[in-house]
Amino acid sequence: MTARHVRVTLHTAPATDALERAVASVVGVGHTKVVLDTSCDECGRQHGKPRVASPRADDGSEIMVSKSSAAGRVAIALSMDARGGDLGIDIESSVQMSRARVDEAAFSAAERDLIDDERPESRDLLRTRLWSRKEAYLKATGRGLRLDLTTIDLASGIAPDAVIVEVPLADPTVVLTVVMLGQEPVFVDVEDLWDRADSAGQHRQPLGEQPALE
């Protein structure tokens, strides 16, 4: 079975048009030709999951995209061969997550047990991994944060209707998770433009000054 391919690019925030540019680069058009639709499925207002209205993939299917930001980074995920499976991405900082108080509202009983049983020195990182996993899954399903998060249990790292991929990064305090609906395998390719900017001294804000959750 051939793996579905997801392309991830990491940018220095704010990177406001990074999603359009990511689509444009794989399709071969100018980024101003990319049309996004962020209509909410429930109310129709423009605050929903971003979708690419045009252009389309080579086979005529929708190009699946997702976006997340944290710790001065913007993460963009894109797939041209999702094969009907929607896509979600989440990036989080364990430095910022250590200041968030979300356990009771965000995690299932099994997830909270994992956190409680973890060694104190690595507890914040585990909490961040669990939260990033859940955020990416909710983005892929399109349900966002509108439901009781404690009813979604991803403690095992396995979802019955999706593939969860935790992507290792050079910065051990930053967690990146990609989720694609469906059970066909997923291959994630990462282009880290943040690290390139870091080498060039272009970062404008130190880690930890961005909002923790998005």
N, C-alpha and C. Protein backbone atom coordinates (compact mmCIF):
# COMPACT_ATOMS: atom_id res chain seq x y z
N MET A 1 0.84 -1.19 0.00
CA MET A 1 0.00 0.00 0.00
C MET A 1 0.88 1.25 0.00
N THR A 2 0.68 2.12 -0.95
CA THR A 2 1.48 3.33 -1.06
C THR A 2 1.05 4.36 -0.03
N ALA A 3 2.01 4.94 0.65
CA ALA A 3 1.69 5.93 1.68
C ALA A 3 1.20 7.23 1.06
N ARG A 4 0.28 7.85 1.75
CA ARG A 4 -0.15 9.19 1.38
C ARG A 4 0.91 10.19 1.82
N HIS A 5 1.13 11.21 1.01
CA HIS A 5 2.22 12.15 1.28
C HIS A 5 1.68 13.46 1.84
N VAL A 6 2.28 13.91 2.93
CA VAL A 6 1.95 15.21 3.52
C VAL A 6 3.22 16.05 3.53
N ARG A 7 3.11 17.24 2.98
CA ARG A 7 4.24 18.17 2.99
C ARG A 7 4.01 19.20 4.09
N VAL A 8 4.99 19.34 4.98
CA VAL A 8 4.91 20.31 6.08
C VAL A 8 6.01 21.35 5.90
N THR A 9 5.65 22.62 6.01
CA THR A 9 6.63 23.69 6.02
C THR A 9 6.50 24.48 7.32
N LEU A 10 7.63 24.81 7.91
CA LEU A 10 7.67 25.61 9.14
C LEU A 10 8.24 26.98 8.82
N HIS A 11 7.52 28.02 9.23
CA HIS A 11 7.88 29.39 8.91
C HIS A 11 8.03 30.20 10.19
N THR A 12 8.73 31.33 10.07
CA THR A 12 8.77 32.29 11.15
C THR A 12 7.48 33.09 11.15
N ALA A 13 6.82 33.19 12.31
CA ALA A 13 5.58 33.94 12.41
C ALA A 13 5.85 35.43 12.09
N PRO A 14 4.84 36.14 11.52
CA PRO A 14 3.45 35.73 11.36
C PRO A 14 3.16 34.94 10.08
N ALA A 15 3.96 35.08 9.02
CA ALA A 15 3.78 34.30 7.79
C ALA A 15 2.32 34.25 7.36
N THR A 16 1.71 35.40 7.20
CA THR A 16 0.26 35.49 7.00
C THR A 16 -0.22 34.81 5.72
N ASP A 17 0.62 34.75 4.69
CA ASP A 17 0.20 34.13 3.43
C ASP A 17 0.92 32.81 3.18
N ALA A 18 1.42 32.19 4.23
CA ALA A 18 2.19 30.96 4.08
C ALA A 18 1.36 29.83 3.49
N LEU A 19 0.09 29.75 3.86
CA LEU A 19 -0.76 28.68 3.35
C LEU A 19 -0.95 28.83 1.84
N GLU A 20 -1.26 30.05 1.40
CA GLU A 20 -1.44 30.29 -0.03
C GLU A 20 -0.15 29.99 -0.80
N ARG A 21 0.98 30.40 -0.24
CA ARG A 21 2.25 30.16 -0.92
C ARG A 21 2.60 28.68 -0.97
N ALA A 22 2.24 27.93 0.06
CA ALA A 22 2.50 26.49 0.05
C ALA A 22 1.72 25.80 -1.06
N VAL A 23 0.45 26.17 -1.20
CA VAL A 23 -0.37 25.60 -2.27
C VAL A 23 0.19 26.00 -3.63
N ALA A 24 0.52 27.28 -3.78
CA ALA A 24 1.03 27.78 -5.06
C ALA A 24 2.30 27.06 -5.48
N SER A 25 3.17 26.75 -4.51
CA SER A 25 4.45 26.15 -4.85
C SER A 25 4.32 24.73 -5.38
N VAL A 26 3.31 23.99 -4.93
CA VAL A 26 3.15 22.61 -5.41
C VAL A 26 2.31 22.53 -6.67
N VAL A 27 1.49 23.54 -6.91
CA VAL A 27 0.62 23.53 -8.09
C VAL A 27 1.28 24.25 -9.26
N GLY A 28 2.14 25.23 -8.95
CA GLY A 28 2.81 25.96 -10.01
C GLY A 28 2.06 27.19 -10.47
N VAL A 29 1.39 27.88 -9.54
CA VAL A 29 0.70 29.12 -9.86
C VAL A 29 1.18 30.20 -8.89
N GLY A 30 0.85 31.46 -9.18
CA GLY A 30 1.15 32.52 -8.25
C GLY A 30 0.28 32.41 -7.01
N HIS A 31 0.81 32.81 -5.86
CA HIS A 31 0.04 32.63 -4.62
C HIS A 31 -1.24 33.46 -4.60
N THR A 32 -1.30 34.51 -5.40
CA THR A 32 -2.53 35.32 -5.45
C THR A 32 -3.65 34.59 -6.19
N LYS A 33 -3.32 33.51 -6.88
CA LYS A 33 -4.33 32.72 -7.60
C LYS A 33 -4.98 31.67 -6.71
N VAL A 34 -4.45 31.50 -5.51
CA VAL A 34 -4.99 30.50 -4.59
C VAL A 34 -6.18 31.11 -3.84
N VAL A 35 -7.31 30.42 -3.88
CA VAL A 35 -8.53 30.89 -3.21
C VAL A 35 -8.84 29.96 -2.05
N LEU A 36 -8.89 30.52 -0.84
CA LEU A 36 -9.20 29.75 0.36
C LEU A 36 -10.62 30.04 0.81
N ASP A 37 -11.25 29.02 1.37
CA ASP A 37 -12.59 29.15 1.95
C ASP A 37 -12.51 28.76 3.41
N THR A 38 -12.86 29.68 4.30
CA THR A 38 -12.84 29.39 5.74
C THR A 38 -14.24 29.43 6.34
N SER A 39 -15.24 29.10 5.53
CA SER A 39 -16.62 29.11 6.02
C SER A 39 -16.82 28.07 7.11
N CYS A 40 -17.46 28.48 8.19
CA CYS A 40 -17.79 27.57 9.28
C CYS A 40 -18.94 26.66 8.85
N ASP A 41 -18.81 25.36 9.10
CA ASP A 41 -19.86 24.41 8.72
C ASP A 41 -21.16 24.67 9.47
N GLU A 42 -21.07 25.27 10.65
CA GLU A 42 -22.27 25.47 11.47
C GLU A 42 -22.96 26.81 11.21
N CYS A 43 -22.16 27.90 11.10
CA CYS A 43 -22.79 29.22 10.99
C CYS A 43 -22.50 29.94 9.68
N GLY A 44 -21.55 29.43 8.90
CA GLY A 44 -21.23 30.04 7.62
C GLY A 44 -20.27 31.21 7.70
N ARG A 45 -19.93 31.67 8.89
CA ARG A 45 -18.99 32.78 9.03
C ARG A 45 -17.56 32.32 8.71
N GLN A 46 -16.69 33.28 8.40
CA GLN A 46 -15.35 32.96 7.93
C GLN A 46 -14.37 32.74 9.09
N HIS A 47 -14.64 31.70 9.88
CA HIS A 47 -13.72 31.34 10.95
C HIS A 47 -13.57 29.82 11.06
N GLY A 48 -13.88 29.13 9.99
CA GLY A 48 -13.82 27.67 10.00
C GLY A 48 -12.48 27.13 9.51
N LYS A 49 -12.43 25.84 9.34
CA LYS A 49 -11.23 25.16 8.84
C LYS A 49 -10.92 25.64 7.43
N PRO A 50 -9.68 26.03 7.15
CA PRO A 50 -9.36 26.49 5.79
C PRO A 50 -9.42 25.37 4.77
N ARG A 51 -10.04 25.67 3.64
CA ARG A 51 -10.10 24.74 2.52
C ARG A 51 -9.67 25.47 1.25
N VAL A 52 -9.08 24.72 0.33
CA VAL A 52 -8.63 25.30 -0.92
C VAL A 52 -9.76 25.20 -1.94
N ALA A 53 -10.39 26.33 -2.23
CA ALA A 53 -11.46 26.35 -3.22
C ALA A 53 -10.90 26.18 -4.63
N SER A 54 -9.74 26.78 -4.88
CA SER A 54 -9.02 26.60 -6.13
C SER A 54 -7.57 27.03 -5.92
N PRO A 55 -6.64 26.36 -6.64
CA PRO A 55 -6.82 25.33 -7.66
C PRO A 55 -7.08 23.96 -7.04
N ARG A 56 -7.24 22.97 -7.91
CA ARG A 56 -7.43 21.59 -7.48
C ARG A 56 -6.16 20.79 -7.72
N ALA A 57 -6.12 19.60 -7.14
CA ALA A 57 -5.01 18.68 -7.40
C ALA A 57 -5.08 18.18 -8.84
N ASP A 58 -4.03 17.52 -9.29
CA ASP A 58 -3.97 17.06 -10.68
C ASP A 58 -5.12 16.14 -11.04
N ASP A 59 -5.58 15.35 -10.08
CA ASP A 59 -6.68 14.42 -10.35
C ASP A 59 -8.05 15.06 -10.15
N GLY A 60 -8.08 16.35 -9.88
CA GLY A 60 -9.34 17.07 -9.69
C GLY A 60 -9.84 17.08 -8.27
N SER A 61 -9.14 16.40 -7.36
CA SER A 61 -9.59 16.35 -5.97
C SER A 61 -9.15 17.60 -5.23
N GLU A 62 -9.72 17.80 -4.04
CA GLU A 62 -9.38 18.96 -3.22
C GLU A 62 -7.98 18.80 -2.63
N ILE A 63 -7.22 19.87 -2.63
CA ILE A 63 -5.92 19.90 -1.95
C ILE A 63 -6.19 20.12 -0.46
N MET A 64 -5.78 19.19 0.37
CA MET A 64 -6.04 19.28 1.80
C MET A 64 -4.95 20.10 2.49
N VAL A 65 -5.37 21.01 3.36
CA VAL A 65 -4.42 21.87 4.05
C VAL A 65 -4.81 22.02 5.52
N SER A 66 -3.85 22.42 6.33
CA SER A 66 -4.10 22.75 7.73
C SER A 66 -2.99 23.69 8.19
N LYS A 67 -3.28 24.46 9.22
CA LYS A 67 -2.34 25.48 9.69
C LYS A 67 -2.36 25.54 11.21
N SER A 68 -1.21 25.80 11.80
CA SER A 68 -1.11 25.97 13.25
C SER A 68 0.05 26.91 13.56
N SER A 69 0.00 27.55 14.72
CA SER A 69 1.10 28.43 15.10
C SER A 69 1.33 28.38 16.60
N ALA A 70 2.60 28.47 16.97
CA ALA A 70 3.02 28.53 18.38
C ALA A 70 4.51 28.81 18.41
N ALA A 71 4.98 29.39 19.50
CA ALA A 71 6.41 29.58 19.74
C ALA A 71 7.11 30.31 18.61
N GLY A 72 6.43 31.28 18.00
CA GLY A 72 7.03 32.05 16.93
C GLY A 72 7.10 31.34 15.60
N ARG A 73 6.48 30.18 15.51
CA ARG A 73 6.48 29.39 14.28
C ARG A 73 5.07 29.29 13.71
N VAL A 74 4.99 29.16 12.39
CA VAL A 74 3.75 28.82 11.71
C VAL A 74 3.99 27.52 10.96
N ALA A 75 3.15 26.53 11.20
CA ALA A 75 3.27 25.22 10.55
C ALA A 75 2.15 25.06 9.54
N ILE A 76 2.51 24.69 8.32
CA ILE A 76 1.55 24.46 7.25
C ILE A 76 1.66 23.01 6.81
N ALA A 77 0.53 22.32 6.73
CA ALA A 77 0.49 20.95 6.20
C ALA A 77 -0.34 20.95 4.92
N LEU A 78 0.12 20.18 3.94
CA LEU A 78 -0.56 20.14 2.64
C LEU A 78 -0.45 18.73 2.07
N SER A 79 -1.53 18.25 1.48
CA SER A 79 -1.50 16.95 0.82
C SER A 79 -2.25 17.01 -0.50
N MET A 80 -1.59 16.50 -1.53
CA MET A 80 -2.20 16.41 -2.87
C MET A 80 -2.81 15.04 -3.11
N ASP A 81 -2.56 14.09 -2.21
CA ASP A 81 -3.09 12.73 -2.41
C ASP A 81 -3.68 12.19 -1.11
N ALA A 82 -4.56 12.96 -0.52
CA ALA A 82 -5.17 12.57 0.75
C ALA A 82 -6.13 11.40 0.60
N ARG A 83 -6.59 11.14 -0.62
CA ARG A 83 -7.49 10.01 -0.92
C ARG A 83 -8.73 10.02 -0.04
N GLY A 84 -9.30 11.20 0.09
CA GLY A 84 -10.54 11.33 0.84
C GLY A 84 -10.38 11.60 2.31
N GLY A 85 -9.14 11.56 2.80
CA GLY A 85 -8.91 11.79 4.22
C GLY A 85 -8.54 13.23 4.49
N ASP A 86 -9.25 13.87 5.41
CA ASP A 86 -8.93 15.26 5.73
C ASP A 86 -7.68 15.32 6.60
N LEU A 87 -7.18 16.53 6.80
CA LEU A 87 -5.85 16.74 7.35
C LEU A 87 -5.88 17.73 8.50
N GLY A 88 -5.06 17.49 9.52
CA GLY A 88 -4.92 18.43 10.63
C GLY A 88 -3.48 18.49 11.09
N ILE A 89 -3.03 19.68 11.48
CA ILE A 89 -1.68 19.84 12.01
C ILE A 89 -1.75 20.69 13.27
N ASP A 90 -0.85 20.41 14.21
CA ASP A 90 -0.76 21.25 15.40
C ASP A 90 0.69 21.33 15.84
N ILE A 91 1.11 22.52 16.23
CA ILE A 91 2.44 22.74 16.78
C ILE A 91 2.28 23.42 18.13
N GLU A 92 3.03 22.93 19.11
CA GLU A 92 2.93 23.45 20.48
C GLU A 92 4.31 23.55 21.11
N SER A 93 4.43 24.44 22.06
CA SER A 93 5.66 24.59 22.85
C SER A 93 5.42 24.06 24.26
N SER A 94 6.30 23.18 24.72
CA SER A 94 6.15 22.67 26.09
C SER A 94 6.46 23.76 27.11
N VAL A 95 7.25 24.76 26.72
CA VAL A 95 7.51 25.89 27.61
C VAL A 95 6.22 26.64 27.89
N GLN A 96 5.45 26.89 26.83
CA GLN A 96 4.18 27.58 26.99
C GLN A 96 3.12 26.68 27.63
N MET A 97 3.15 25.41 27.25
CA MET A 97 2.15 24.47 27.76
C MET A 97 2.30 24.28 29.27
N SER A 98 3.50 24.47 29.80
CA SER A 98 3.71 24.31 31.24
C SER A 98 2.94 25.36 32.03
N ARG A 99 2.55 26.45 31.36
CA ARG A 99 1.80 27.51 32.04
C ARG A 99 0.30 27.37 31.83
N ALA A 100 -0.11 26.44 30.98
CA ALA A 100 -1.54 26.25 30.72
C ALA A 100 -2.14 25.28 31.73
N ARG A 101 -3.36 25.53 32.13
CA ARG A 101 -4.05 24.65 33.07
C ARG A 101 -5.26 24.06 32.36
N VAL A 102 -5.01 22.97 31.62
CA VAL A 102 -6.05 22.43 30.75
C VAL A 102 -6.41 20.99 31.05
N ASP A 103 -5.74 20.35 32.01
CA ASP A 103 -5.88 18.90 32.18
C ASP A 103 -7.32 18.45 32.35
N GLU A 104 -8.04 19.05 33.28
CA GLU A 104 -9.40 18.59 33.58
C GLU A 104 -10.35 18.81 32.41
N ALA A 105 -10.14 19.88 31.66
CA ALA A 105 -11.05 20.21 30.56
C ALA A 105 -10.65 19.56 29.25
N ALA A 106 -9.37 19.22 29.09
CA ALA A 106 -8.88 18.81 27.77
C ALA A 106 -8.62 17.33 27.63
N PHE A 107 -8.36 16.62 28.72
CA PHE A 107 -7.88 15.25 28.60
C PHE A 107 -8.86 14.23 29.17
N SER A 108 -8.84 13.05 28.55
CA SER A 108 -9.63 11.93 29.05
C SER A 108 -9.01 11.42 30.34
N ALA A 109 -9.73 10.53 31.01
CA ALA A 109 -9.20 9.95 32.25
C ALA A 109 -7.90 9.20 31.99
N ALA A 110 -7.84 8.47 30.88
CA ALA A 110 -6.62 7.72 30.56
C ALA A 110 -5.46 8.66 30.27
N GLU A 111 -5.73 9.76 29.60
CA GLU A 111 -4.68 10.74 29.31
C GLU A 111 -4.18 11.40 30.60
N ARG A 112 -5.11 11.72 31.49
CA ARG A 112 -4.71 12.33 32.76
C ARG A 112 -3.89 11.36 33.60
N ASP A 113 -4.24 10.07 33.53
CA ASP A 113 -3.46 9.07 34.26
C ASP A 113 -2.02 9.01 33.73
N LEU A 114 -1.87 9.09 32.41
CA LEU A 114 -0.52 9.10 31.83
C LEU A 114 0.29 10.28 32.35
N ILE A 115 -0.35 11.45 32.38
CA ILE A 115 0.33 12.66 32.86
C ILE A 115 0.73 12.51 34.33
N ASP A 116 -0.20 12.02 35.14
CA ASP A 116 0.07 11.87 36.58
C ASP A 116 1.19 10.87 36.84
N ASP A 117 1.28 9.84 35.99
CA ASP A 117 2.29 8.79 36.20
C ASP A 117 3.66 9.17 35.64
N GLU A 118 3.72 10.24 34.85
CA GLU A 118 4.98 10.64 34.22
C GLU A 118 5.92 11.28 35.24
N ARG A 119 7.20 11.14 35.01
CA ARG A 119 8.19 11.79 35.88
C ARG A 119 8.02 13.30 35.82
N PRO A 120 8.19 14.00 36.93
CA PRO A 120 7.97 15.45 36.94
C PRO A 120 8.77 16.20 35.89
N GLU A 121 10.00 15.78 35.64
CA GLU A 121 10.86 16.52 34.71
C GLU A 121 10.42 16.39 33.25
N SER A 122 9.62 15.37 32.93
CA SER A 122 9.15 15.20 31.55
C SER A 122 7.64 15.31 31.42
N ARG A 123 6.97 15.71 32.50
CA ARG A 123 5.51 15.77 32.49
C ARG A 123 4.98 16.85 31.54
N ASP A 124 5.63 18.01 31.50
CA ASP A 124 5.16 19.07 30.61
C ASP A 124 5.27 18.67 29.15
N LEU A 125 6.34 17.96 28.80
CA LEU A 125 6.49 17.51 27.42
C LEU A 125 5.42 16.49 27.05
N LEU A 126 5.12 15.56 27.95
CA LEU A 126 4.06 14.59 27.69
C LEU A 126 2.72 15.29 27.54
N ARG A 127 2.42 16.23 28.42
CA ARG A 127 1.17 16.98 28.33
C ARG A 127 1.08 17.70 26.97
N THR A 128 2.18 18.25 26.52
CA THR A 128 2.21 18.94 25.24
C THR A 128 1.97 17.99 24.09
N ARG A 129 2.57 16.81 24.14
CA ARG A 129 2.36 15.81 23.09
C ARG A 129 0.90 15.38 23.03
N LEU A 130 0.30 15.15 24.18
CA LEU A 130 -1.10 14.73 24.21
C LEU A 130 -2.02 15.83 23.68
N TRP A 131 -1.74 17.08 24.07
CA TRP A 131 -2.58 18.18 23.60
C TRP A 131 -2.41 18.41 22.10
N SER A 132 -1.18 18.36 21.60
CA SER A 132 -0.93 18.55 20.18
C SER A 132 -1.61 17.45 19.36
N ARG A 133 -1.54 16.23 19.87
CA ARG A 133 -2.21 15.09 19.22
C ARG A 133 -3.71 15.35 19.10
N LYS A 134 -4.31 15.84 20.17
CA LYS A 134 -5.76 16.05 20.18
C LYS A 134 -6.15 17.22 19.29
N GLU A 135 -5.39 18.32 19.34
CA GLU A 135 -5.68 19.48 18.49
C GLU A 135 -5.62 19.10 17.02
N ALA A 136 -4.58 18.38 16.61
CA ALA A 136 -4.44 17.99 15.22
C ALA A 136 -5.60 17.08 14.79
N TYR A 137 -5.99 16.17 15.67
CA TYR A 137 -7.10 15.27 15.37
C TYR A 137 -8.41 16.05 15.20
N LEU A 138 -8.65 17.00 16.09
CA LEU A 138 -9.88 17.79 16.00
C LEU A 138 -9.90 18.64 14.74
N LYS A 139 -8.75 19.14 14.33
CA LYS A 139 -8.69 19.90 13.07
C LYS A 139 -8.99 19.00 11.88
N ALA A 140 -8.45 17.79 11.90
CA ALA A 140 -8.70 16.86 10.80
C ALA A 140 -10.18 16.49 10.70
N THR A 141 -10.81 16.29 11.84
CA THR A 141 -12.23 15.93 11.82
C THR A 141 -13.13 17.13 11.58
N GLY A 142 -12.58 18.35 11.74
CA GLY A 142 -13.36 19.56 11.52
C GLY A 142 -14.24 19.93 12.69
N ARG A 143 -14.06 19.26 13.84
CA ARG A 143 -14.92 19.54 14.99
C ARG A 143 -14.37 20.62 15.91
N GLY A 144 -13.10 20.96 15.73
CA GLY A 144 -12.52 22.04 16.54
C GLY A 144 -12.67 21.77 18.02
N LEU A 145 -12.92 22.83 18.79
CA LEU A 145 -13.03 22.72 20.25
C LEU A 145 -14.47 22.85 20.71
N ARG A 146 -15.41 22.47 19.85
CA ARG A 146 -16.83 22.68 20.18
C ARG A 146 -17.44 21.52 20.95
N LEU A 147 -16.68 20.53 21.32
CA LEU A 147 -17.24 19.38 22.01
C LEU A 147 -16.47 19.11 23.29
N ASP A 148 -16.95 18.16 24.06
CA ASP A 148 -16.31 17.79 25.32
C ASP A 148 -15.01 17.06 25.00
N LEU A 149 -13.88 17.72 25.22
CA LEU A 149 -12.59 17.14 24.85
C LEU A 149 -12.25 15.90 25.67
N THR A 150 -12.83 15.77 26.85
CA THR A 150 -12.52 14.62 27.70
C THR A 150 -13.09 13.33 27.14
N THR A 151 -14.00 13.42 26.17
CA THR A 151 -14.59 12.22 25.57
C THR A 151 -13.72 11.66 24.44
N ILE A 152 -12.69 12.38 24.06
CA ILE A 152 -11.78 11.92 23.01
C ILE A 152 -10.51 11.41 23.66
N ASP A 153 -10.26 10.12 23.52
CA ASP A 153 -9.12 9.49 24.19
C ASP A 153 -8.09 9.06 23.14
N LEU A 154 -6.96 9.77 23.12
CA LEU A 154 -5.86 9.43 22.22
C LEU A 154 -4.61 9.07 23.01
N ALA A 155 -4.81 8.55 24.20
CA ALA A 155 -3.68 8.24 25.09
C ALA A 155 -2.70 7.26 24.45
N SER A 156 -3.22 6.34 23.65
CA SER A 156 -2.37 5.32 23.04
C SER A 156 -1.63 5.83 21.81
N GLY A 157 -2.00 7.01 21.32
CA GLY A 157 -1.41 7.52 20.08
C GLY A 157 -2.04 6.93 18.85
N ILE A 158 -3.14 6.20 19.03
CA ILE A 158 -3.84 5.56 17.91
C ILE A 158 -5.28 6.02 17.91
N ALA A 159 -5.78 6.39 16.73
CA ALA A 159 -7.18 6.76 16.56
C ALA A 159 -7.86 5.73 15.66
N PRO A 160 -9.13 5.40 15.92
CA PRO A 160 -9.79 4.38 15.11
C PRO A 160 -10.05 4.80 13.68
N ASP A 161 -10.07 6.11 13.42
CA ASP A 161 -10.43 6.61 12.10
C ASP A 161 -9.37 7.50 11.47
N ALA A 162 -8.13 7.43 11.98
CA ALA A 162 -7.11 8.34 11.49
C ALA A 162 -5.71 7.80 11.77
N VAL A 163 -4.74 8.37 11.06
CA VAL A 163 -3.32 8.08 11.30
C VAL A 163 -2.71 9.29 12.00
N ILE A 164 -2.04 9.06 13.13
CA ILE A 164 -1.40 10.13 13.90
C ILE A 164 0.12 10.01 13.73
N VAL A 165 0.75 11.10 13.31
CA VAL A 165 2.20 11.12 13.11
C VAL A 165 2.79 12.23 13.96
N GLU A 166 3.66 11.87 14.91
CA GLU A 166 4.40 12.86 15.67
C GLU A 166 5.74 13.09 14.98
N VAL A 167 5.98 14.33 14.58
CA VAL A 167 7.14 14.67 13.76
C VAL A 167 8.26 15.23 14.65
N PRO A 168 9.42 14.58 14.71
CA PRO A 168 10.51 15.10 15.55
C PRO A 168 11.10 16.38 14.96
N LEU A 169 11.40 17.33 15.83
CA LEU A 169 12.02 18.59 15.42
C LEU A 169 13.34 18.78 16.15
N ALA A 170 14.17 19.68 15.64
CA ALA A 170 15.47 19.93 16.25
C ALA A 170 15.33 20.50 17.66
N ASP A 171 14.30 21.30 17.87
CA ASP A 171 14.04 21.89 19.19
C ASP A 171 13.22 20.90 20.01
N PRO A 172 13.76 20.31 21.07
CA PRO A 172 13.03 19.29 21.83
C PRO A 172 11.86 19.84 22.63
N THR A 173 11.76 21.16 22.75
CA THR A 173 10.64 21.75 23.49
C THR A 173 9.43 22.02 22.61
N VAL A 174 9.56 21.78 21.30
CA VAL A 174 8.46 22.03 20.37
C VAL A 174 7.95 20.71 19.83
N VAL A 175 6.64 20.54 19.86
CA VAL A 175 5.98 19.31 19.43
C VAL A 175 5.16 19.59 18.18
N LEU A 176 5.31 18.74 17.18
CA LEU A 176 4.57 18.88 15.92
C LEU A 176 3.84 17.57 15.63
N THR A 177 2.55 17.65 15.40
CA THR A 177 1.73 16.46 15.14
C THR A 177 0.90 16.66 13.88
N VAL A 178 0.88 15.63 13.04
CA VAL A 178 0.06 15.61 11.83
C VAL A 178 -0.93 14.46 11.95
N VAL A 179 -2.18 14.73 11.62
CA VAL A 179 -3.22 13.69 11.63
C VAL A 179 -3.93 13.71 10.29
N MET A 180 -4.10 12.52 9.70
CA MET A 180 -4.88 12.39 8.47
C MET A 180 -5.94 11.32 8.66
N LEU A 181 -7.18 11.67 8.33
CA LEU A 181 -8.26 10.70 8.45
C LEU A 181 -8.08 9.57 7.45
N GLY A 182 -8.58 8.38 7.82
CA GLY A 182 -8.38 7.19 7.01
C GLY A 182 -7.24 6.36 7.58
N GLN A 183 -7.15 5.09 7.16
CA GLN A 183 -6.17 4.18 7.74
C GLN A 183 -4.99 3.86 6.83
N GLU A 184 -4.95 4.42 5.62
CA GLU A 184 -3.79 4.21 4.76
C GLU A 184 -2.59 4.93 5.38
N PRO A 185 -1.38 4.35 5.24
CA PRO A 185 -0.20 4.96 5.86
C PRO A 185 0.07 6.36 5.35
N VAL A 186 0.79 7.13 6.16
CA VAL A 186 1.07 8.54 5.86
C VAL A 186 2.57 8.78 5.98
N PHE A 187 3.14 9.44 4.98
CA PHE A 187 4.53 9.87 5.01
C PHE A 187 4.57 11.39 5.11
N VAL A 188 5.31 11.92 6.09
CA VAL A 188 5.39 13.37 6.31
C VAL A 188 6.78 13.86 5.95
N ASP A 189 6.83 14.84 5.05
CA ASP A 189 8.07 15.46 4.62
C ASP A 189 8.11 16.89 5.17
N VAL A 190 9.17 17.26 5.89
CA VAL A 190 9.23 18.56 6.56
C VAL A 190 10.31 19.45 5.95
N GLU A 191 9.92 20.68 5.64
CA GLU A 191 10.87 21.72 5.23
C GLU A 191 10.86 22.79 6.32
N ASP A 192 11.97 22.91 7.04
CA ASP A 192 12.01 23.80 8.20
C ASP A 192 12.63 25.14 7.82
N LEU A 193 11.80 26.08 7.39
CA LEU A 193 12.26 27.42 7.04
C LEU A 193 12.58 28.23 8.29
N TRP A 194 12.01 27.81 9.44
CA TRP A 194 12.34 28.46 10.72
C TRP A 194 13.83 28.32 11.02
N ASP A 195 14.37 27.10 10.87
CA ASP A 195 15.78 26.88 11.15
C ASP A 195 16.67 27.69 10.23
N ARG A 196 16.24 27.85 8.97
CA ARG A 196 17.02 28.66 8.05
C ARG A 196 17.03 30.12 8.50
N ALA A 197 15.88 30.60 8.94
CA ALA A 197 15.81 31.97 9.44
C ALA A 197 16.64 32.12 10.70
N ASP A 198 16.64 31.07 11.53
CA ASP A 198 17.42 31.10 12.77
C ASP A 198 18.91 31.24 12.46
N SER A 199 19.36 30.49 11.45
CA SER A 199 20.77 30.55 11.06
C SER A 199 21.14 31.94 10.55
N ALA A 200 20.15 32.61 9.93
CA ALA A 200 20.40 33.94 9.38
C ALA A 200 20.13 35.04 10.40
N GLY A 201 19.72 34.67 11.62
CA GLY A 201 19.45 35.65 12.66
C GLY A 201 18.21 36.48 12.41
N GLN A 202 17.18 35.87 11.81
CA GLN A 202 16.00 36.62 11.42
C GLN A 202 14.85 36.53 12.40
N HIS A 203 14.95 35.74 13.46
CA HIS A 203 13.83 35.61 14.40
C HIS A 203 13.67 36.89 15.19
N ARG A 204 12.46 37.35 15.27
CA ARG A 204 12.18 38.63 15.91
C ARG A 204 11.72 38.48 17.35
N GLN A 205 11.23 37.26 17.74
CA GLN A 205 10.73 37.08 19.09
C GLN A 205 11.31 35.81 19.69
N PRO A 206 11.71 35.85 20.95
CA PRO A 206 12.24 34.64 21.59
C PRO A 206 11.15 33.62 21.84
N LEU A 207 11.55 32.37 21.92
CA LEU A 207 10.62 31.28 22.20
C LEU A 207 9.88 31.56 23.50
N GLY A 208 8.55 31.40 23.45
CA GLY A 208 7.76 31.55 24.65
C GLY A 208 6.95 32.82 24.70
N GLU A 209 7.09 33.71 23.71
CA GLU A 209 6.35 34.95 23.75
C GLU A 209 5.10 34.92 22.88
N GLN A 210 4.88 33.82 22.17
CA GLN A 210 3.68 33.68 21.36
C GLN A 210 2.58 33.01 22.19
N PRO A 211 1.30 33.18 21.82
CA PRO A 211 0.22 32.47 22.52
C PRO A 211 0.46 30.96 22.46
N ALA A 212 0.09 30.27 23.52
CA ALA A 212 0.42 28.85 23.62
C ALA A 212 -0.44 27.98 22.73
N LEU A 213 -1.70 28.32 22.57
CA LEU A 213 -2.62 27.40 21.91
C LEU A 213 -3.27 28.07 20.71
N GLU A 214 -3.20 27.38 19.57
CA GLU A 214 -3.93 27.84 18.38
C GLU A 214 -4.25 26.66 17.51
